[in-house]
Amino acid sequence: FIKKGIVDLFYEPHGNEDMCNVQLSNNDCFAEECLLKNWTKNPFIAAARTDCELWFLSRANFCTILHRFPHAKTIIMEDLKNRSTWDSLAQEISTGRLRENKK
């Protein structure tokens, strides 16, 4: 969760370190799909563009929250449907459908 600041996300397999694929800012979040799907490797690299205040949860804490509050997973899954997910973003980049932002 980005409390404040700007974060650029780069798709690692794309190979062009000068290309920012997505830019996130205050109140945006990222990587929750990695926790939900138990990914072992995240194909994205996050880089702070400005001074940032980031909040994070460990996988264990994330799973505890989902266990104690099952409706939270439903809310998160609905949110993921309403925006580009890691899977869909990776697919869009690899097929050239996503117009990349220059850094």
PDB file of N, CA and C in Angstrom:
ATOM      1  N   PHE A   1       0.847  -1.171   0.000  1.00  0.00           N
ATOM      2  CA  PHE A   1       0.000   0.000   0.000  1.00  0.00           C
ATOM      3  C   PHE A   1       0.886   1.224   0.000  1.00  0.00           C
ATOM      4  N   ILE A   2       0.615   2.154  -0.892  1.00  0.00           N
ATOM      5  CA  ILE A   2       1.398   3.385  -0.982  1.00  0.00           C
ATOM      6  C   ILE A   2       0.664   4.471  -0.200  1.00  0.00           C
ATOM      7  N   LYS A   3       1.159   4.783   0.967  1.00  0.00           N
ATOM      8  CA  LYS A   3       0.558   5.842   1.789  1.00  0.00           C
ATOM      9  C   LYS A   3       0.828   7.203   1.145  1.00  0.00           C
ATOM     10  N   LYS A   4       2.073   7.398   0.702  1.00  0.00           N
ATOM     11  CA  LYS A   4       2.398   8.625  -0.033  1.00  0.00           C
ATOM     12  C   LYS A   4       3.590   8.370  -0.934  1.00  0.00           C
ATOM     13  N   GLY A   5       3.632   9.096  -2.030  1.00  0.00           N
ATOM     14  CA  GLY A   5       4.741   8.978  -2.959  1.00  0.00           C
ATOM     15  C   GLY A   5       4.316   8.391  -4.294  1.00  0.00           C
ATOM     16  N   ILE A   6       5.294   8.255  -5.174  1.00  0.00           N
ATOM     17  CA  ILE A   6       5.060   7.715  -6.518  1.00  0.00           C
ATOM     18  C   ILE A   6       5.994   6.527  -6.724  1.00  0.00           C
ATOM     19  N   VAL A   7       5.419   5.419  -7.213  1.00  0.00           N
ATOM     20  CA  VAL A   7       6.165   4.189  -7.459  1.00  0.00           C
ATOM     21  C   VAL A   7       5.972   3.788  -8.914  1.00  0.00           C
ATOM     22  N   ASP A   8       7.077   3.483  -9.598  1.00  0.00           N
ATOM     23  CA  ASP A   8       7.025   2.964 -10.961  1.00  0.00           C
ATOM     24  C   ASP A   8       7.134   1.452 -10.895  1.00  0.00           C
ATOM     25  N   LEU A   9       6.309   0.760 -11.695  1.00  0.00           N
ATOM     26  CA  LEU A   9       6.395  -0.693 -11.806  1.00  0.00           C
ATOM     27  C   LEU A   9       6.941  -1.044 -13.178  1.00  0.00           C
ATOM     28  N   PHE A  10       7.910  -1.922 -13.198  1.00  0.00           N
ATOM     29  CA  PHE A  10       8.538  -2.389 -14.432  1.00  0.00           C
ATOM     30  C   PHE A  10       8.290  -3.877 -14.559  1.00  0.00           C
ATOM     31  N   TYR A  11       7.964  -4.327 -15.759  1.00  0.00           N
ATOM     32  CA  TYR A  11       7.782  -5.740 -16.028  1.00  0.00           C
ATOM     33  C   TYR A  11       9.141  -6.326 -16.345  1.00  0.00           C
ATOM     34  N   GLU A  12       9.693  -7.129 -15.443  1.00  0.00           N
ATOM     35  CA  GLU A  12      11.055  -7.640 -15.543  1.00  0.00           C
ATOM     36  C   GLU A  12      11.368  -8.381 -16.848  1.00  0.00           C
ATOM     37  N   PRO A  13      10.526  -9.346 -17.265  1.00  0.00           N
ATOM     38  CA  PRO A  13      10.875 -10.082 -18.489  1.00  0.00           C
ATOM     39  C   PRO A  13      10.876  -9.219 -19.751  1.00  0.00           C
ATOM     40  N   HIS A  14      10.273  -8.041 -19.683  1.00  0.00           N
ATOM     41  CA  HIS A  14      10.227  -7.182 -20.858  1.00  0.00           C
ATOM     42  C   HIS A  14      11.638  -6.758 -21.282  1.00  0.00           C
ATOM     43  N   GLY A  15      12.523  -6.599 -20.300  1.00  0.00           N
ATOM     44  CA  GLY A  15      13.922  -6.383 -20.608  1.00  0.00           C
ATOM     45  C   GLY A  15      14.358  -4.953 -20.840  1.00  0.00           C
ATOM     46  N   ASN A  16      13.454  -3.987 -20.898  1.00  0.00           N
ATOM     47  CA  ASN A  16      13.854  -2.608 -21.130  1.00  0.00           C
ATOM     48  C   ASN A  16      13.741  -1.835 -19.827  1.00  0.00           C
ATOM     49  N   GLU A  17      14.869  -1.626 -19.174  1.00  0.00           N
ATOM     50  CA  GLU A  17      14.866  -0.972 -17.868  1.00  0.00           C
ATOM     51  C   GLU A  17      14.480   0.498 -17.938  1.00  0.00           C
ATOM     52  N   ASP A  18      14.478   1.090 -19.129  1.00  0.00           N
ATOM     53  CA  ASP A  18      14.122   2.499 -19.265  1.00  0.00           C
ATOM     54  C   ASP A  18      12.623   2.718 -19.437  1.00  0.00           C
ATOM     55  N   MET A  19      11.852   1.651 -19.493  1.00  0.00           N
ATOM     56  CA  MET A  19      10.419   1.780 -19.731  1.00  0.00           C
ATOM     57  C   MET A  19       9.625   1.493 -18.460  1.00  0.00           C
ATOM     58  N   CYS A  20       8.840   2.474 -18.042  1.00  0.00           N
ATOM     59  CA  CYS A  20       7.956   2.291 -16.902  1.00  0.00           C
ATOM     60  C   CYS A  20       6.626   1.782 -17.442  1.00  0.00           C
ATOM     61  N   ASN A  21       6.158   0.658 -16.924  1.00  0.00           N
ATOM     62  CA  ASN A  21       4.919   0.085 -17.413  1.00  0.00           C
ATOM     63  C   ASN A  21       3.694   0.648 -16.712  1.00  0.00           C
ATOM     64  N   VAL A  22       3.804   0.913 -15.416  1.00  0.00           N
ATOM     65  CA  VAL A  22       2.691   1.436 -14.635  1.00  0.00           C
ATOM     66  C   VAL A  22       3.249   2.375 -13.579  1.00  0.00           C
ATOM     67  N   GLN A  23       2.547   3.472 -13.354  1.00  0.00           N
ATOM     68  CA  GLN A  23       2.949   4.388 -12.295  1.00  0.00           C
ATOM     69  C   GLN A  23       1.826   4.451 -11.264  1.00  0.00           C
ATOM     70  N   LEU A  24       2.175   4.223  -9.999  1.00  0.00           N
ATOM     71  CA  LEU A  24       1.211   4.230  -8.910  1.00  0.00           C
ATOM     72  C   LEU A  24       1.542   5.363  -7.951  1.00  0.00           C
ATOM     73  N   SER A  25       0.513   5.795  -7.195  1.00  0.00           N
ATOM     74  CA  SER A  25       0.745   6.883  -6.245  1.00  0.00           C
ATOM     75  C   SER A  25      -0.131   6.690  -5.009  1.00  0.00           C
ATOM     76  N   ASN A  26      -0.329   7.755  -4.256  1.00  0.00           N
ATOM     77  CA  ASN A  26      -1.033   7.716  -2.979  1.00  0.00           C
ATOM     78  C   ASN A  26      -2.287   6.836  -3.030  1.00  0.00           C
ATOM     79  N   ASN A  27      -2.403   5.968  -2.031  1.00  0.00           N
ATOM     80  CA  ASN A  27      -3.551   5.072  -1.831  1.00  0.00           C
ATOM     81  C   ASN A  27      -3.663   3.939  -2.850  1.00  0.00           C
ATOM     82  N   ASP A  28      -2.686   3.772  -3.736  1.00  0.00           N
ATOM     83  CA  ASP A  28      -2.663   2.608  -4.621  1.00  0.00           C
ATOM     84  C   ASP A  28      -1.990   1.452  -3.878  1.00  0.00           C
ATOM     85  N   CYS A  29      -2.259   0.262  -4.325  1.00  0.00           N
ATOM     86  CA  CYS A  29      -1.586  -0.894  -3.740  1.00  0.00           C
ATOM     87  C   CYS A  29      -1.163  -1.834  -4.864  1.00  0.00           C
ATOM     88  N   PHE A  30      -0.226  -2.695  -4.538  1.00  0.00           N
ATOM     89  CA  PHE A  30       0.255  -3.651  -5.528  1.00  0.00           C
ATOM     90  C   PHE A  30       0.779  -4.891  -4.822  1.00  0.00           C
ATOM     91  N   ALA A  31       0.837  -5.978  -5.543  1.00  0.00           N
ATOM     92  CA  ALA A  31       1.404  -7.265  -5.119  1.00  0.00           C
ATOM     93  C   ALA A  31       0.458  -8.130  -4.291  1.00  0.00           C
ATOM     94  N   GLU A  32      -0.769  -7.697  -4.065  1.00  0.00           N
ATOM     95  CA  GLU A  32      -1.691  -8.551  -3.310  1.00  0.00           C
ATOM     96  C   GLU A  32      -2.020  -9.830  -4.079  1.00  0.00           C
ATOM     97  N   GLU A  33      -1.987  -9.761  -5.397  1.00  0.00           N
ATOM     98  CA  GLU A  33      -2.240 -10.963  -6.187  1.00  0.00           C
ATOM     99  C   GLU A  33      -1.110 -11.984  -5.990  1.00  0.00           C
ATOM    100  N   CYS A  34       0.101 -11.499  -5.773  1.00  0.00           N
ATOM    101  CA  CYS A  34       1.216 -12.414  -5.480  1.00  0.00           C
ATOM    102  C   CYS A  34       0.937 -13.202  -4.210  1.00  0.00           C
ATOM    103  N   LEU A  35       0.340 -12.552  -3.217  1.00  0.00           N
ATOM    104  CA  LEU A  35       0.021 -13.222  -1.961  1.00  0.00           C
ATOM    105  C   LEU A  35      -1.166 -14.164  -2.114  1.00  0.00           C
ATOM    106  N   LEU A  36      -2.164 -13.743  -2.865  1.00  0.00           N
ATOM    107  CA  LEU A  36      -3.358 -14.575  -3.052  1.00  0.00           C
ATOM    108  C   LEU A  36      -3.058 -15.845  -3.830  1.00  0.00           C
ATOM    109  N   LYS A  37      -2.161 -15.756  -4.792  1.00  0.00           N
ATOM    110  CA  LYS A  37      -1.874 -16.892  -5.667  1.00  0.00           C
ATOM    111  C   LYS A  37      -0.589 -17.621  -5.300  1.00  0.00           C
ATOM    112  N   ASN A  38       0.040 -17.229  -4.195  1.00  0.00           N
ATOM    113  CA  ASN A  38       1.269 -17.885  -3.719  1.00  0.00           C
ATOM    114  C   ASN A  38       2.361 -17.925  -4.772  1.00  0.00           C
ATOM    115  N   TRP A  39       2.543 -16.830  -5.476  1.00  0.00           N
ATOM    116  CA  TRP A  39       3.613 -16.774  -6.462  1.00  0.00           C
ATOM    117  C   TRP A  39       4.954 -16.918  -5.756  1.00  0.00           C
ATOM    118  N   THR A  40       5.889 -17.597  -6.389  1.00  0.00           N
ATOM    119  CA  THR A  40       7.225 -17.717  -5.828  1.00  0.00           C
ATOM    120  C   THR A  40       8.136 -16.620  -6.363  1.00  0.00           C
ATOM    121  N   LYS A  41       7.773 -16.055  -7.510  1.00  0.00           N
ATOM    122  CA  LYS A  41       8.560 -14.956  -8.088  1.00  0.00           C
ATOM    123  C   LYS A  41       7.617 -13.920  -8.665  1.00  0.00           C
ATOM    124  N   ASN A  42       7.839 -12.700  -8.308  1.00  0.00           N
ATOM    125  CA  ASN A  42       7.058 -11.586  -8.815  1.00  0.00           C
ATOM    126  C   ASN A  42       7.733 -11.074 -10.094  1.00  0.00           C
ATOM    127  N   PRO A  43       7.036 -11.037 -11.232  1.00  0.00           N
ATOM    128  CA  PRO A  43       7.672 -10.598 -12.479  1.00  0.00           C
ATOM    129  C   PRO A  43       7.825  -9.084 -12.593  1.00  0.00           C
ATOM    130  N   PHE A  44       7.451  -8.352 -11.566  1.00  0.00           N
ATOM    131  CA  PHE A  44       7.524  -6.901 -11.597  1.00  0.00           C
ATOM    132  C   PHE A  44       8.567  -6.388 -10.618  1.00  0.00           C
ATOM    133  N   ILE A  45       9.156  -5.270 -10.968  1.00  0.00           N
ATOM    134  CA  ILE A  45      10.098  -4.577 -10.103  1.00  0.00           C
ATOM    135  C   ILE A  45       9.477  -3.230  -9.775  1.00  0.00           C
ATOM    136  N   ALA A  46       9.431  -2.891  -8.486  1.00  0.00           N
ATOM    137  CA  ALA A  46       8.890  -1.606  -8.048  1.00  0.00           C
ATOM    138  C   ALA A  46      10.057  -0.693  -7.691  1.00  0.00           C
ATOM    139  N   ALA A  47       9.990   0.550  -8.168  1.00  0.00           N
ATOM    140  CA  ALA A  47      11.038   1.529  -7.875  1.00  0.00           C
ATOM    141  C   ALA A  47      10.386   2.840  -7.449  1.00  0.00           C
ATOM    142  N   ALA A  48      10.824   3.372  -6.327  1.00  0.00           N
ATOM    143  CA  ALA A  48      10.281   4.643  -5.837  1.00  0.00           C
ATOM    144  C   ALA A  48      10.784   5.779  -6.717  1.00  0.00           C
ATOM    145  N   ARG A  49       9.857   6.561  -7.242  1.00  0.00           N
ATOM    146  CA  ARG A  49      10.212   7.737  -8.046  1.00  0.00           C
ATOM    147  C   ARG A  49      10.432   8.940  -7.133  1.00  0.00           C
ATOM    148  N   THR A  50       9.698   8.977  -6.011  1.00  0.00           N
ATOM    149  CA  THR A  50       9.813  10.050  -5.023  1.00  0.00           C
ATOM    150  C   THR A  50       9.995   9.401  -3.649  1.00  0.00           C
ATOM    151  N   ASP A  51      10.210  10.229  -2.629  1.00  0.00           N
ATOM    152  CA  ASP A  51      10.197   9.697  -1.266  1.00  0.00           C
ATOM    153  C   ASP A  51       8.837   9.077  -1.036  1.00  0.00           C
ATOM    154  N   CYS A  52       8.810   7.877  -0.467  1.00  0.00           N
ATOM    155  CA  CYS A  52       7.560   7.138  -0.296  1.00  0.00           C
ATOM    156  C   CYS A  52       7.397   6.652   1.131  1.00  0.00           C
ATOM    157  N   GLU A  53       6.149   6.507   1.515  1.00  0.00           N
ATOM    158  CA  GLU A  53       5.801   5.794   2.735  1.00  0.00           C
ATOM    159  C   GLU A  53       4.968   4.602   2.287  1.00  0.00           C
ATOM    160  N   LEU A  54       5.543   3.414   2.429  1.00  0.00           N
ATOM    161  CA  LEU A  54       4.879   2.186   1.996  1.00  0.00           C
ATOM    162  C   LEU A  54       4.523   1.345   3.210  1.00  0.00           C
ATOM    163  N   TRP A  55       3.357   0.744   3.162  1.00  0.00           N
ATOM    164  CA  TRP A  55       2.932  -0.190   4.200  1.00  0.00           C
ATOM    165  C   TRP A  55       2.912  -1.573   3.567  1.00  0.00           C
ATOM    166  N   PHE A  56       3.254  -2.597   4.329  1.00  0.00           N
ATOM    167  CA  PHE A  56       3.252  -3.944   3.774  1.00  0.00           C
ATOM    168  C   PHE A  56       2.791  -4.945   4.819  1.00  0.00           C
ATOM    169  N   LEU A  57       2.383  -6.094   4.338  1.00  0.00           N
ATOM    170  CA  LEU A  57       2.015  -7.233   5.177  1.00  0.00           C
ATOM    171  C   LEU A  57       2.842  -8.427   4.754  1.00  0.00           C
ATOM    172  N   SER A  58       3.293  -9.190   5.729  1.00  0.00           N
ATOM    173  CA  SER A  58       3.952 -10.447   5.389  1.00  0.00           C
ATOM    174  C   SER A  58       2.886 -11.418   4.885  1.00  0.00           C
ATOM    175  N   ARG A  59       3.307 -12.451   4.190  1.00  0.00           N
ATOM    176  CA  ARG A  59       2.365 -13.467   3.706  1.00  0.00           C
ATOM    177  C   ARG A  59       1.605 -14.078   4.885  1.00  0.00           C
ATOM    178  N   ALA A  60       2.310 -14.340   5.996  1.00  0.00           N
ATOM    179  CA  ALA A  60       1.661 -14.940   7.171  1.00  0.00           C
ATOM    180  C   ALA A  60       0.570 -14.023   7.725  1.00  0.00           C
ATOM    181  N   ASN A  61       0.859 -12.741   7.850  1.00  0.00           N
ATOM    182  CA  ASN A  61      -0.145 -11.795   8.352  1.00  0.00           C
ATOM    183  C   ASN A  61      -1.303 -11.640   7.379  1.00  0.00           C
ATOM    184  N   PHE A  62      -0.989 -11.627   6.090  1.00  0.00           N
ATOM    185  CA  PHE A  62      -2.032 -11.518   5.068  1.00  0.00           C
ATOM    186  C   PHE A  62      -2.988 -12.718   5.168  1.00  0.00           C
ATOM    187  N   CYS A  63      -2.429 -13.919   5.290  1.00  0.00           N
ATOM    188  CA  CYS A  63      -3.251 -15.134   5.397  1.00  0.00           C
ATOM    189  C   CYS A  63      -4.070 -15.144   6.685  1.00  0.00           C
ATOM    190  N   THR A  64      -3.485 -14.639   7.767  1.00  0.00           N
ATOM    191  CA  THR A  64      -4.219 -14.553   9.029  1.00  0.00           C
ATOM    192  C   THR A  64      -5.432 -13.639   8.890  1.00  0.00           C
ATOM    193  N   ILE A  65      -5.250 -12.507   8.239  1.00  0.00           N
ATOM    194  CA  ILE A  65      -6.363 -11.571   8.023  1.00  0.00           C
ATOM    195  C   ILE A  65      -7.459 -12.229   7.198  1.00  0.00           C
ATOM    196  N   LEU A  66      -7.067 -12.918   6.122  1.00  0.00           N
ATOM    197  CA  LEU A  66      -8.062 -13.579   5.277  1.00  0.00           C
ATOM    198  C   LEU A  66      -8.794 -14.692   6.027  1.00  0.00           C
ATOM    199  N   HIS A  67      -8.082 -15.367   6.922  1.00  0.00           N
ATOM    200  CA  HIS A  67      -8.712 -16.432   7.707  1.00  0.00           C
ATOM    201  C   HIS A  67      -9.701 -15.848   8.724  1.00  0.00           C
ATOM    202  N   ARG A  68      -9.301 -14.777   9.388  1.00  0.00           N
ATOM    203  CA  ARG A  68     -10.160 -14.160  10.411  1.00  0.00           C
ATOM    204  C   ARG A  68     -11.308 -13.349   9.815  1.00  0.00           C
ATOM    205  N   PHE A  69     -11.085 -12.814   8.637  1.00  0.00           N
ATOM    206  CA  PHE A  69     -12.095 -11.979   7.985  1.00  0.00           C
ATOM    207  C   PHE A  69     -12.300 -12.465   6.550  1.00  0.00           C
ATOM    208  N   PRO A  70     -13.036 -13.563   6.364  1.00  0.00           N
ATOM    209  CA  PRO A  70     -13.192 -14.160   5.028  1.00  0.00           C
ATOM    210  C   PRO A  70     -13.762 -13.195   3.989  1.00  0.00           C
ATOM    211  N   HIS A  71     -14.561 -12.249   4.416  1.00  0.00           N
ATOM    212  CA  HIS A  71     -15.126 -11.291   3.464  1.00  0.00           C
ATOM    213  C   HIS A  71     -14.044 -10.381   2.869  1.00  0.00           C
ATOM    214  N   ALA A  72     -12.896 -10.266   3.550  1.00  0.00           N
ATOM    215  CA  ALA A  72     -11.805  -9.429   3.032  1.00  0.00           C
ATOM    216  C   ALA A  72     -11.290  -9.979   1.701  1.00  0.00           C
ATOM    217  N   LYS A  73     -11.208 -11.308   1.600  1.00  0.00           N
ATOM    218  CA  LYS A  73     -10.741 -11.903   0.345  1.00  0.00           C
ATOM    219  C   LYS A  73     -11.705 -11.579  -0.787  1.00  0.00           C
ATOM    220  N   THR A  74     -13.009 -11.619  -0.506  1.00  0.00           N
ATOM    221  CA  THR A  74     -14.017 -11.279  -1.513  1.00  0.00           C
ATOM    222  C   THR A  74     -13.836  -9.840  -1.975  1.00  0.00           C
ATOM    223  N   ILE A  75     -13.598  -8.942  -1.036  1.00  0.00           N
ATOM    224  CA  ILE A  75     -13.404  -7.522  -1.373  1.00  0.00           C
ATOM    225  C   ILE A  75     -12.150  -7.344  -2.229  1.00  0.00           C
ATOM    226  N   ILE A  76     -11.079  -8.009  -1.847  1.00  0.00           N
ATOM    227  CA  ILE A  76      -9.825  -7.903  -2.602  1.00  0.00           C
ATOM    228  C   ILE A  76      -9.996  -8.476  -4.005  1.00  0.00           C
ATOM    229  N   MET A  77     -10.648  -9.629  -4.115  1.00  0.00           N
ATOM    230  CA  MET A  77     -10.859 -10.253  -5.429  1.00  0.00           C
ATOM    231  C   MET A  77     -11.709  -9.352  -6.321  1.00  0.00           C
ATOM    232  N   GLU A  78     -12.726  -8.708  -5.766  1.00  0.00           N
ATOM    233  CA  GLU A  78     -13.556  -7.783  -6.546  1.00  0.00           C
ATOM    234  C   GLU A  78     -12.723  -6.594  -7.024  1.00  0.00           C
ATOM    235  N   ASP A  79     -11.862  -6.090  -6.148  1.00  0.00           N
ATOM    236  CA  ASP A  79     -11.007  -4.967  -6.516  1.00  0.00           C
ATOM    237  C   ASP A  79     -10.067  -5.364  -7.651  1.00  0.00           C
ATOM    238  N   LEU A  80      -9.529  -6.572  -7.584  1.00  0.00           N
ATOM    239  CA  LEU A  80      -8.630  -7.039  -8.639  1.00  0.00           C
ATOM    240  C   LEU A  80      -9.345  -7.169  -9.981  1.00  0.00           C
ATOM    241  N   LYS A  81     -10.614  -7.525  -9.956  1.00  0.00           N
ATOM    242  CA  LYS A  81     -11.387  -7.633 -11.203  1.00  0.00           C
ATOM    243  C   LYS A  81     -11.581  -6.272 -11.855  1.00  0.00           C
ATOM    244  N   ASN A  82     -11.585  -5.216 -11.038  1.00  0.00           N
ATOM    245  CA  ASN A  82     -11.879  -3.879 -11.530  1.00  0.00           C
ATOM    246  C   ASN A  82     -10.647  -3.098 -11.965  1.00  0.00           C
ATOM    247  N   ARG A  83      -9.503  -3.714 -11.924  1.00  0.00           N
ATOM    248  CA  ARG A  83      -8.286  -3.026 -12.374  1.00  0.00           C
ATOM    249  C   ARG A  83      -7.353  -4.042 -12.994  1.00  0.00           C
ATOM    250  N   SER A  84      -6.308  -3.554 -13.626  1.00  0.00           N
ATOM    251  CA  SER A  84      -5.340  -4.457 -14.236  1.00  0.00           C
ATOM    252  C   SER A  84      -4.663  -5.272 -13.150  1.00  0.00           C
ATOM    253  N   THR A  85      -4.716  -6.573 -13.268  1.00  0.00           N
ATOM    254  CA  THR A  85      -4.031  -7.443 -12.330  1.00  0.00           C
ATOM    255  C   THR A  85      -2.652  -7.755 -12.875  1.00  0.00           C
ATOM    256  N   TRP A  86      -1.816  -8.331 -12.038  1.00  0.00           N
ATOM    257  CA  TRP A  86      -0.475  -8.696 -12.473  1.00  0.00           C
ATOM    258  C   TRP A  86      -0.534  -9.592 -13.701  1.00  0.00           C
ATOM    259  N   ASP A  87      -1.428 -10.596 -13.652  1.00  0.00           N
ATOM    260  CA  ASP A  87      -1.545 -11.521 -14.785  1.00  0.00           C
ATOM    261  C   ASP A  87      -1.957 -10.797 -16.054  1.00  0.00           C
ATOM    262  N   SER A  88      -2.992  -9.975 -15.956  1.00  0.00           N
ATOM    263  CA  SER A  88      -3.475  -9.299 -17.159  1.00  0.00           C
ATOM    264  C   SER A  88      -2.481  -8.243 -17.627  1.00  0.00           C
ATOM    265  N   LEU A  89      -1.813  -7.581 -16.694  1.00  0.00           N
ATOM    266  CA  LEU A  89      -0.817  -6.587 -17.068  1.00  0.00           C
ATOM    267  C   LEU A  89       0.347  -7.257 -17.782  1.00  0.00           C
ATOM    268  N   ALA A  90       0.819  -8.376 -17.245  1.00  0.00           N
ATOM    269  CA  ALA A  90       1.911  -9.108 -17.896  1.00  0.00           C
ATOM    270  C   ALA A  90       1.495  -9.548 -19.296  1.00  0.00           C
ATOM    271  N   GLN A  91       0.262 -10.014 -19.430  1.00  0.00           N
ATOM    272  CA  GLN A  91      -0.245 -10.448 -20.733  1.00  0.00           C
ATOM    273  C   GLN A  91      -0.316  -9.272 -21.707  1.00  0.00           C
ATOM    274  N   GLU A  92      -0.810  -8.128 -21.220  1.00  0.00           N
ATOM    275  CA  GLU A  92      -0.918  -6.947 -22.085  1.00  0.00           C
ATOM    276  C   GLU A  92       0.450  -6.475 -22.541  1.00  0.00           C
ATOM    277  N   ILE A  93       1.422  -6.514 -21.642  1.00  0.00           N
ATOM    278  CA  ILE A  93       2.771  -6.071 -22.006  1.00  0.00           C
ATOM    279  C   ILE A  93       3.394  -7.035 -23.009  1.00  0.00           C
ATOM    280  N   SER A  94       3.281  -8.337 -22.733  1.00  0.00           N
ATOM    281  CA  SER A  94       3.930  -9.317 -23.598  1.00  0.00           C
ATOM    282  C   SER A  94       3.320  -9.349 -24.996  1.00  0.00           C
ATOM    283  N   THR A  95       2.049  -9.006 -25.129  1.00  0.00           N
ATOM    284  CA  THR A  95       1.416  -8.999 -26.448  1.00  0.00           C
ATOM    285  C   THR A  95       1.438  -7.626 -27.104  1.00  0.00           C
ATOM    286  N   GLY A  96       2.013  -6.648 -26.396  1.00  0.00           N
ATOM    287  CA  GLY A  96       2.138  -5.309 -26.962  1.00  0.00           C
ATOM    288  C   GLY A  96       0.851  -4.483 -26.907  1.00  0.00           C
ATOM    289  N   ARG A  97      -0.159  -4.964 -26.192  1.00  0.00           N
ATOM    290  CA  ARG A  97      -1.419  -4.205 -26.118  1.00  0.00           C
ATOM    291  C   ARG A  97      -1.341  -3.040 -25.143  1.00  0.00           C
ATOM    292  N   LEU A  98      -0.380  -3.083 -24.190  1.00  0.00           N
ATOM    293  CA  LEU A  98      -0.258  -2.003 -23.214  1.00  0.00           C
ATOM    294  C   LEU A  98       0.685  -0.961 -23.769  1.00  0.00           C
ATOM    295  N   ARG A  99       0.226   0.264 -23.832  1.00  0.00           N
ATOM    296  CA  ARG A  99       1.103   1.351 -24.243  1.00  0.00           C
ATOM    297  C   ARG A  99       1.958   1.728 -23.052  1.00  0.00           C
ATOM    298  N   GLU A 100       3.236   1.592 -23.178  1.00  0.00           N
ATOM    299  CA  GLU A 100       4.138   1.824 -22.065  1.00  0.00           C
ATOM    300  C   GLU A 100       4.404   3.311 -21.894  1.00  0.00           C
ATOM    301  N   ASN A 101       4.646   3.710 -20.653  1.00  0.00           N
ATOM    302  CA  ASN A 101       4.996   5.088 -20.333  1.00  0.00           C
ATOM    303  C   ASN A 101       6.509   5.193 -20.266  1.00  0.00           C
ATOM    304  N   LYS A 102       7.074   6.181 -20.935  1.00  0.00           N
ATOM    305  CA  LYS A 102       8.517   6.365 -20.834  1.00  0.00           C
ATOM    306  C   LYS A 102       8.835   6.962 -19.492  1.00  0.00           C
ATOM    307  N   LYS A 103       9.935   6.526 -18.952  1.00  0.00           N
ATOM    308  CA  LYS A 103      10.381   6.968 -17.643  1.00  0.00           C
ATOM    309  C   LYS A 103      10.819   8.404 -17.696  1.00  0.00           C
TER     310      LYS A 103
END
